[in-house]
Amino acid sequence: MDFIFFIVFVAIFAIITYKMAENRGRNAWGYTLAGLLLSPLIMWIVLAILGKTPEKTKADILEMKKVMMEDETVMGQ
């Protein structure tokens, strides 16, 4: 029974690490694997310090501008 809890917690931590890396434009599988081998907490700290990649930041800004343009179009009608 303890083994099942351990596997569930490891899976949850791996999913959190994967999503954090993916949202920051980082190599999600690489950070997940490193988190499983070292510690998810260490990977979370590393990802928080590194932040988003320049490409991800640019993509987020473009997406935000697109949404704002759509909102202005809707409001103008």
PDB file of N, CA and C in Angstrom:
ATOM      1  N   MET A   1       0.818  -1.187   0.000  1.00  0.00           N
ATOM      2  CA  MET A   1       0.000   0.000   0.000  1.00  0.00           C
ATOM      3  C   MET A   1       0.868   1.259   0.000  1.00  0.00           C
ATOM      4  N   ASP A   2       1.949   1.240   0.762  1.00  0.00           N
ATOM      5  CA  ASP A   2       2.856   2.381   0.792  1.00  0.00           C
ATOM      6  C   ASP A   2       3.481   2.611  -0.576  1.00  0.00           C
ATOM      7  N   PHE A   3       3.747   1.534  -1.281  1.00  0.00           N
ATOM      8  CA  PHE A   3       4.354   1.645  -2.603  1.00  0.00           C
ATOM      9  C   PHE A   3       3.418   2.370  -3.570  1.00  0.00           C
ATOM     10  N   ILE A   4       2.134   2.114  -3.470  1.00  0.00           N
ATOM     11  CA  ILE A   4       1.156   2.763  -4.334  1.00  0.00           C
ATOM     12  C   ILE A   4       1.134   4.268  -4.057  1.00  0.00           C
ATOM     13  N   PHE A   5       1.146   4.659  -2.770  1.00  0.00           N
ATOM     14  CA  PHE A   5       1.195   6.081  -2.423  1.00  0.00           C
ATOM     15  C   PHE A   5       2.460   6.728  -2.960  1.00  0.00           C
ATOM     16  N   PHE A   6       3.572   6.025  -2.851  1.00  0.00           N
ATOM     17  CA  PHE A   6       4.840   6.544  -3.358  1.00  0.00           C
ATOM     18  C   PHE A   6       4.758   6.787  -4.859  1.00  0.00           C
ATOM     19  N   ILE A   7       4.245   5.835  -5.606  1.00  0.00           N
ATOM     20  CA  ILE A   7       4.115   5.963  -7.061  1.00  0.00           C
ATOM     21  C   ILE A   7       3.182   7.118  -7.419  1.00  0.00           C
ATOM     22  N   VAL A   8       2.082   7.260  -6.689  1.00  0.00           N
ATOM     23  CA  VAL A   8       1.134   8.352  -6.953  1.00  0.00           C
ATOM     24  C   VAL A   8       1.798   9.702  -6.721  1.00  0.00           C
ATOM     25  N   PHE A   9       2.520   9.845  -5.611  1.00  0.00           N
ATOM     26  CA  PHE A   9       3.188  11.113  -5.326  1.00  0.00           C
ATOM     27  C   PHE A   9       4.277  11.415  -6.350  1.00  0.00           C
ATOM     28  N   VAL A  10       5.042  10.423  -6.747  1.00  0.00           N
ATOM     29  CA  VAL A  10       6.079  10.625  -7.766  1.00  0.00           C
ATOM     30  C   VAL A  10       5.439  11.059  -9.080  1.00  0.00           C
ATOM     31  N   ALA A  11       4.328  10.445  -9.449  1.00  0.00           N
ATOM     32  CA  ALA A  11       3.633  10.810 -10.685  1.00  0.00           C
ATOM     33  C   ALA A  11       3.099  12.241 -10.613  1.00  0.00           C
ATOM     34  N   ILE A  12       2.540  12.623  -9.474  1.00  0.00           N
ATOM     35  CA  ILE A  12       2.034  13.992  -9.315  1.00  0.00           C
ATOM     36  C   ILE A  12       3.170  14.997  -9.425  1.00  0.00           C
ATOM     37  N   PHE A  13       4.286  14.728  -8.753  1.00  0.00           N
ATOM     38  CA  PHE A  13       5.427  15.638  -8.818  1.00  0.00           C
ATOM     39  C   PHE A  13       5.995  15.706 -10.236  1.00  0.00           C
ATOM     40  N   ALA A  14       6.002  14.587 -10.943  1.00  0.00           N
ATOM     41  CA  ALA A  14       6.501  14.573 -12.320  1.00  0.00           C
ATOM     42  C   ALA A  14       5.588  15.401 -13.227  1.00  0.00           C
ATOM     43  N   ILE A  15       4.293  15.298 -13.042  1.00  0.00           N
ATOM     44  CA  ILE A  15       3.341  16.075 -13.851  1.00  0.00           C
ATOM     45  C   ILE A  15       3.497  17.562 -13.584  1.00  0.00           C
ATOM     46  N   ILE A  16       3.657  17.933 -12.317  1.00  0.00           N
ATOM     47  CA  ILE A  16       3.850  19.346 -11.981  1.00  0.00           C
ATOM     48  C   ILE A  16       5.130  19.872 -12.617  1.00  0.00           C
ATOM     49  N   THR A  17       6.205  19.111 -12.542  1.00  0.00           N
ATOM     50  CA  THR A  17       7.470  19.521 -13.142  1.00  0.00           C
ATOM     51  C   THR A  17       7.325  19.654 -14.658  1.00  0.00           C
ATOM     52  N   TYR A  18       6.657  18.704 -15.274  1.00  0.00           N
ATOM     53  CA  TYR A  18       6.448  18.728 -16.722  1.00  0.00           C
ATOM     54  C   TYR A  18       5.683  19.992 -17.133  1.00  0.00           C
ATOM     55  N   LYS A  19       4.584  20.277 -16.446  1.00  0.00           N
ATOM     56  CA  LYS A  19       3.762  21.445 -16.791  1.00  0.00           C
ATOM     57  C   LYS A  19       4.515  22.756 -16.540  1.00  0.00           C
ATOM     58  N   MET A  20       5.296  22.818 -15.468  1.00  0.00           N
ATOM     59  CA  MET A  20       6.080  24.030 -15.206  1.00  0.00           C
ATOM     60  C   MET A  20       7.081  24.274 -16.329  1.00  0.00           C
ATOM     61  N   ALA A  21       7.779  23.234 -16.753  1.00  0.00           N
ATOM     62  CA  ALA A  21       8.763  23.388 -17.827  1.00  0.00           C
ATOM     63  C   ALA A  21       8.073  23.739 -19.142  1.00  0.00           C
ATOM     64  N   GLU A  22       6.963  23.088 -19.424  1.00  0.00           N
ATOM     65  CA  GLU A  22       6.228  23.344 -20.662  1.00  0.00           C
ATOM     66  C   GLU A  22       5.719  24.790 -20.713  1.00  0.00           C
ATOM     67  N   ASN A  23       5.199  25.285 -19.604  1.00  0.00           N
ATOM     68  CA  ASN A  23       4.675  26.651 -19.556  1.00  0.00           C
ATOM     69  C   ASN A  23       5.771  27.702 -19.686  1.00  0.00           C
ATOM     70  N   ARG A  24       7.006  27.336 -19.405  1.00  0.00           N
ATOM     71  CA  ARG A  24       8.120  28.269 -19.504  1.00  0.00           C
ATOM     72  C   ARG A  24       8.908  28.105 -20.804  1.00  0.00           C
ATOM     73  N   GLY A  25       8.454  27.211 -21.668  1.00  0.00           N
ATOM     74  CA  GLY A  25       9.131  27.008 -22.939  1.00  0.00           C
ATOM     75  C   GLY A  25      10.414  26.200 -22.822  1.00  0.00           C
ATOM     76  N   ARG A  26      10.550  25.479 -21.760  1.00  0.00           N
ATOM     77  CA  ARG A  26      11.735  24.651 -21.525  1.00  0.00           C
ATOM     78  C   ARG A  26      11.472  23.222 -21.980  1.00  0.00           C
ATOM     79  N   ASN A  27      12.527  22.405 -22.026  1.00  0.00           N
ATOM     80  CA  ASN A  27      12.412  21.008 -22.413  1.00  0.00           C
ATOM     81  C   ASN A  27      11.687  20.245 -21.303  1.00  0.00           C
ATOM     82  N   ALA A  28      10.403  20.013 -21.514  1.00  0.00           N
ATOM     83  CA  ALA A  28       9.572  19.433 -20.461  1.00  0.00           C
ATOM     84  C   ALA A  28      10.041  18.035 -20.059  1.00  0.00           C
ATOM     85  N   TRP A  29      10.351  17.198 -21.040  1.00  0.00           N
ATOM     86  CA  TRP A  29      10.780  15.828 -20.711  1.00  0.00           C
ATOM     87  C   TRP A  29      12.121  15.827 -20.001  1.00  0.00           C
ATOM     88  N   GLY A  30      13.018  16.695 -20.407  1.00  0.00           N
ATOM     89  CA  GLY A  30      14.339  16.763 -19.767  1.00  0.00           C
ATOM     90  C   GLY A  30      14.254  17.173 -18.309  1.00  0.00           C
ATOM     91  N   TYR A  31      13.470  18.216 -18.033  1.00  0.00           N
ATOM     92  CA  TYR A  31      13.322  18.662 -16.652  1.00  0.00           C
ATOM     93  C   TYR A  31      12.561  17.642 -15.818  1.00  0.00           C
ATOM     94  N   THR A  32      11.605  16.950 -16.420  1.00  0.00           N
ATOM     95  CA  THR A  32      10.872  15.917 -15.688  1.00  0.00           C
ATOM     96  C   THR A  32      11.802  14.773 -15.319  1.00  0.00           C
ATOM     97  N   LEU A  33      12.604  14.338 -16.264  1.00  0.00           N
ATOM     98  CA  LEU A  33      13.550  13.256 -15.990  1.00  0.00           C
ATOM     99  C   LEU A  33      14.562  13.684 -14.928  1.00  0.00           C
ATOM    100  N   ALA A  34      15.083  14.889 -15.050  1.00  0.00           N
ATOM    101  CA  ALA A  34      16.028  15.386 -14.042  1.00  0.00           C
ATOM    102  C   ALA A  34      15.355  15.471 -12.672  1.00  0.00           C
ATOM    103  N   GLY A  35      14.088  15.873 -12.654  1.00  0.00           N
ATOM    104  CA  GLY A  35      13.356  15.937 -11.388  1.00  0.00           C
ATOM    105  C   GLY A  35      13.164  14.566 -10.767  1.00  0.00           C
ATOM    106  N   LEU A  36      12.947  13.573 -11.601  1.00  0.00           N
ATOM    107  CA  LEU A  36      12.797  12.209 -11.076  1.00  0.00           C
ATOM    108  C   LEU A  36      14.125  11.665 -10.557  1.00  0.00           C
ATOM    109  N   LEU A  37      15.222  12.016 -11.240  1.00  0.00           N
ATOM    110  CA  LEU A  37      16.530  11.513 -10.834  1.00  0.00           C
ATOM    111  C   LEU A  37      17.097  12.277  -9.635  1.00  0.00           C
ATOM    112  N   LEU A  38      16.907  13.592  -9.604  1.00  0.00           N
ATOM    113  CA  LEU A  38      17.457  14.404  -8.513  1.00  0.00           C
ATOM    114  C   LEU A  38      16.387  14.677  -7.465  1.00  0.00           C
ATOM    115  N   SER A  39      15.580  15.676  -7.746  1.00  0.00           N
ATOM    116  CA  SER A  39      14.502  16.035  -6.828  1.00  0.00           C
ATOM    117  C   SER A  39      13.570  16.996  -7.551  1.00  0.00           C
ATOM    118  N   PRO A  40      12.255  16.755  -7.489  1.00  0.00           N
ATOM    119  CA  PRO A  40      11.331  17.690  -8.125  1.00  0.00           C
ATOM    120  C   PRO A  40      11.466  19.104  -7.561  1.00  0.00           C
ATOM    121  N   LEU A  41      11.709  19.211  -6.271  1.00  0.00           N
ATOM    122  CA  LEU A  41      11.842  20.519  -5.641  1.00  0.00           C
ATOM    123  C   LEU A  41      13.008  21.304  -6.243  1.00  0.00           C
ATOM    124  N   ILE A  42      14.129  20.637  -6.471  1.00  0.00           N
ATOM    125  CA  ILE A  42      15.279  21.300  -7.092  1.00  0.00           C
ATOM    126  C   ILE A  42      14.920  21.782  -8.488  1.00  0.00           C
ATOM    127  N   MET A  43      14.223  20.961  -9.260  1.00  0.00           N
ATOM    128  CA  MET A  43      13.834  21.364 -10.619  1.00  0.00           C
ATOM    129  C   MET A  43      12.846  22.521 -10.587  1.00  0.00           C
ATOM    130  N   TRP A  44      11.933  22.540  -9.611  1.00  0.00           N
ATOM    131  CA  TRP A  44      10.976  23.648  -9.495  1.00  0.00           C
ATOM    132  C   TRP A  44      11.721  24.947  -9.213  1.00  0.00           C
ATOM    133  N   ILE A  45      12.723  24.888  -8.340  1.00  0.00           N
ATOM    134  CA  ILE A  45      13.513  26.085  -8.028  1.00  0.00           C
ATOM    135  C   ILE A  45      14.290  26.543  -9.254  1.00  0.00           C
ATOM    136  N   VAL A  46      14.906  25.593  -9.958  1.00  0.00           N
ATOM    137  CA  VAL A  46      15.661  25.937 -11.173  1.00  0.00           C
ATOM    138  C   VAL A  46      14.742  26.570 -12.205  1.00  0.00           C
ATOM    139  N   LEU A  47      13.579  25.988 -12.425  1.00  0.00           N
ATOM    140  CA  LEU A  47      12.635  26.534 -13.405  1.00  0.00           C
ATOM    141  C   LEU A  47      12.134  27.915 -12.987  1.00  0.00           C
ATOM    142  N   ALA A  48      11.915  28.121 -11.704  1.00  0.00           N
ATOM    143  CA  ALA A  48      11.463  29.430 -11.225  1.00  0.00           C
ATOM    144  C   ALA A  48      12.543  30.483 -11.431  1.00  0.00           C
ATOM    145  N   ILE A  49      13.795  30.111 -11.212  1.00  0.00           N
ATOM    146  CA  ILE A  49      14.901  31.054 -11.389  1.00  0.00           C
ATOM    147  C   ILE A  49      15.123  31.358 -12.865  1.00  0.00           C
ATOM    148  N   LEU A  50      15.095  30.337 -13.713  1.00  0.00           N
ATOM    149  CA  LEU A  50      15.347  30.536 -15.145  1.00  0.00           C
ATOM    150  C   LEU A  50      14.230  31.311 -15.829  1.00  0.00           C
ATOM    151  N   GLY A  51      13.008  31.067 -15.416  1.00  0.00           N
ATOM    152  CA  GLY A  51      11.881  31.768 -16.027  1.00  0.00           C
ATOM    153  C   GLY A  51      11.598  31.280 -17.440  1.00  0.00           C
ATOM    154  N   LYS A  52      10.889  32.113 -18.184  1.00  0.00           N
ATOM    155  CA  LYS A  52      10.507  31.747 -19.547  1.00  0.00           C
ATOM    156  C   LYS A  52      11.658  32.004 -20.518  1.00  0.00           C
ATOM    157  N   THR A  53      11.672  31.208 -21.582  1.00  0.00           N
ATOM    158  CA  THR A  53      12.633  31.451 -22.649  1.00  0.00           C
ATOM    159  C   THR A  53      12.192  32.694 -23.413  1.00  0.00           C
ATOM    160  N   PRO A  54      13.128  33.365 -24.098  1.00  0.00           N
ATOM    161  CA  PRO A  54      12.731  34.536 -24.893  1.00  0.00           C
ATOM    162  C   PRO A  54      11.674  34.195 -25.946  1.00  0.00           C
ATOM    163  N   GLU A  55      11.772  33.020 -26.541  1.00  0.00           N
ATOM    164  CA  GLU A  55      10.798  32.612 -27.549  1.00  0.00           C
ATOM    165  C   GLU A  55       9.405  32.465 -26.940  1.00  0.00           C
ATOM    166  N   LYS A  56       9.338  31.883 -25.746  1.00  0.00           N
ATOM    167  CA  LYS A  56       8.051  31.698 -25.070  1.00  0.00           C
ATOM    168  C   LYS A  56       7.460  33.053 -24.661  1.00  0.00           C
ATOM    169  N   THR A  57       8.317  33.953 -24.199  1.00  0.00           N
ATOM    170  CA  THR A  57       7.854  35.286 -23.818  1.00  0.00           C
ATOM    171  C   THR A  57       7.273  35.998 -25.028  1.00  0.00           C
ATOM    172  N   LYS A  58       7.962  35.917 -26.156  1.00  0.00           N
ATOM    173  CA  LYS A  58       7.489  36.555 -27.386  1.00  0.00           C
ATOM    174  C   LYS A  58       6.157  35.945 -27.828  1.00  0.00           C
ATOM    175  N   ALA A  59       6.057  34.630 -27.775  1.00  0.00           N
ATOM    176  CA  ALA A  59       4.815  33.957 -28.173  1.00  0.00           C
ATOM    177  C   ALA A  59       3.657  34.362 -27.259  1.00  0.00           C
ATOM    178  N   ASP A  60       3.923  34.486 -25.961  1.00  0.00           N
ATOM    179  CA  ASP A  60       2.876  34.902 -25.023  1.00  0.00           C
ATOM    180  C   ASP A  60       2.414  36.328 -25.312  1.00  0.00           C
ATOM    181  N   ILE A  61       3.360  37.219 -25.618  1.00  0.00           N
ATOM    182  CA  ILE A  61       3.007  38.601 -25.933  1.00  0.00           C
ATOM    183  C   ILE A  61       2.171  38.667 -27.198  1.00  0.00           C
ATOM    184  N   LEU A  62       2.573  37.918 -28.226  1.00  0.00           N
ATOM    185  CA  LEU A  62       1.807  37.904 -29.475  1.00  0.00           C
ATOM    186  C   LEU A  62       0.395  37.352 -29.248  1.00  0.00           C
ATOM    187  N   GLU A  63       0.280  36.320 -28.429  1.00  0.00           N
ATOM    188  CA  GLU A  63      -1.035  35.751 -28.121  1.00  0.00           C
ATOM    189  C   GLU A  63      -1.897  36.766 -27.372  1.00  0.00           C
ATOM    190  N   MET A  64      -1.282  37.493 -26.440  1.00  0.00           N
ATOM    191  CA  MET A  64      -2.021  38.500 -25.684  1.00  0.00           C
ATOM    192  C   MET A  64      -2.504  39.626 -26.600  1.00  0.00           C
ATOM    193  N   LYS A  65      -1.633  40.047 -27.539  1.00  0.00           N
ATOM    194  CA  LYS A  65      -2.029  41.093 -28.489  1.00  0.00           C
ATOM    195  C   LYS A  65      -3.184  40.615 -29.372  1.00  0.00           C
ATOM    196  N   LYS A  66      -3.130  39.363 -29.787  1.00  0.00           N
ATOM    197  CA  LYS A  66      -4.185  38.796 -30.618  1.00  0.00           C
ATOM    198  C   LYS A  66      -5.521  38.813 -29.872  1.00  0.00           C
ATOM    199  N   VAL A  67      -5.504  38.428 -28.612  1.00  0.00           N
ATOM    200  CA  VAL A  67      -6.723  38.410 -27.810  1.00  0.00           C
ATOM    201  C   VAL A  67      -7.245  39.829 -27.626  1.00  0.00           C
ATOM    202  N   MET A  68      -6.346  40.777 -27.388  1.00  0.00           N
ATOM    203  CA  MET A  68      -6.762  42.162 -27.207  1.00  0.00           C
ATOM    204  C   MET A  68      -7.381  42.721 -28.485  1.00  0.00           C
ATOM    205  N   MET A  69      -6.816  42.368 -29.632  1.00  0.00           N
ATOM    206  CA  MET A  69      -7.359  42.826 -30.912  1.00  0.00           C
ATOM    207  C   MET A  69      -8.755  42.245 -31.125  1.00  0.00           C
ATOM    208  N   GLU A  70      -8.951  40.983 -30.787  1.00  0.00           N
ATOM    209  CA  GLU A  70     -10.260  40.353 -30.915  1.00  0.00           C
ATOM    210  C   GLU A  70     -11.274  41.022 -29.986  1.00  0.00           C
ATOM    211  N   ASP A  71     -10.837  41.356 -28.779  1.00  0.00           N
ATOM    212  CA  ASP A  71     -11.728  42.038 -27.837  1.00  0.00           C
ATOM    213  C   ASP A  71     -12.129  43.415 -28.356  1.00  0.00           C
ATOM    214  N   GLU A  72     -11.171  44.143 -28.936  1.00  0.00           N
ATOM    215  CA  GLU A  72     -11.488  45.468 -29.488  1.00  0.00           C
ATOM    216  C   GLU A  72     -12.462  45.361 -30.644  1.00  0.00           C
ATOM    217  N   THR A  73     -12.297  44.316 -31.463  1.00  0.00           N
ATOM    218  CA  THR A  73     -13.199  44.100 -32.593  1.00  0.00           C
ATOM    219  C   THR A  73     -14.612  43.830 -32.096  1.00  0.00           C
ATOM    220  N   VAL A  74     -14.743  43.004 -31.077  1.00  0.00           N
ATOM    221  CA  VAL A  74     -16.045  42.668 -30.519  1.00  0.00           C
ATOM    222  C   VAL A  74     -16.684  43.903 -29.874  1.00  0.00           C
ATOM    223  N   MET A  75     -15.885  44.675 -29.153  1.00  0.00           N
ATOM    224  CA  MET A  75     -16.401  45.860 -28.465  1.00  0.00           C
ATOM    225  C   MET A  75     -16.809  46.932 -29.470  1.00  0.00           C
ATOM    226  N   GLY A  76     -16.154  46.996 -30.619  1.00  0.00           N
ATOM    227  CA  GLY A  76     -16.461  48.009 -31.622  1.00  0.00           C
ATOM    228  C   GLY A  76     -17.727  47.710 -32.400  1.00  0.00           C
ATOM    229  N   GLN A  77     -18.215  46.505 -32.330  1.00  0.00           N
ATOM    230  CA  GLN A  77     -19.413  46.145 -33.106  1.00  0.00           C
ATOM    231  C   GLN A  77     -20.671  46.519 -32.402  1.00  0.00           C
TER     232      GLN A  77
END
